[in-house]
Amino acid sequence: ARNSAAMAASSTWLCFLDADDELGVKYLEEMLCGSGELRYPMVITDSMKEPINLCTGKSLLEGNFMAIGTLVKRKRFLDVGGFPQYPAYEDWALCLRCMATGDRARLVPEAVYIAHTTPAGRNAQNRSSELAIQIRTDFIKWKSRYASNL
């Protein structure tokens, strides 16, 4: 559904969120003022009191540290084939695909994404799961493919 919506959209930027999540006050206004091809927010979950930067000191290859609410240019989204068909972590895989093209992710600290999480949710999988390993392997393939097309 997200891929179909992106193809039908006419905007420059795309922002997706999970059905049970929320965008903080002035989220899009702040995100649109940021820089970078991928713009990611601070995140707060039900168990947190203050928003945090999930990516601090971490490589995106280590795990899914970016919120689904990350802003991505529509053209880039379509260029990389949109969300891959994985049963989970599709937002992480999308960000890695964009980064494989040379895009850089930038934090927009004024923007807050509110993620309502459940311990048994499908994204609560172990980061060393077979799916996570497959996504990392696919990143290497994407990087090679995009490098040859630049």
Foldseek 3Di string as FASTA:
>chain_A
DVLVVLVVDDDFKDFDADPPKDKDPCQVVLQVPDDWQKEAEFEDEPPDDDTHQQPVPHDLLQDPSGHSRIMHGSVLCVVLPHQDPDPDPSSSLSVLLSVLLVTDYHYRYVIYMYDYDDCPDPRVDDCPDPVSVVSSVVSVVSSVVNVVVD
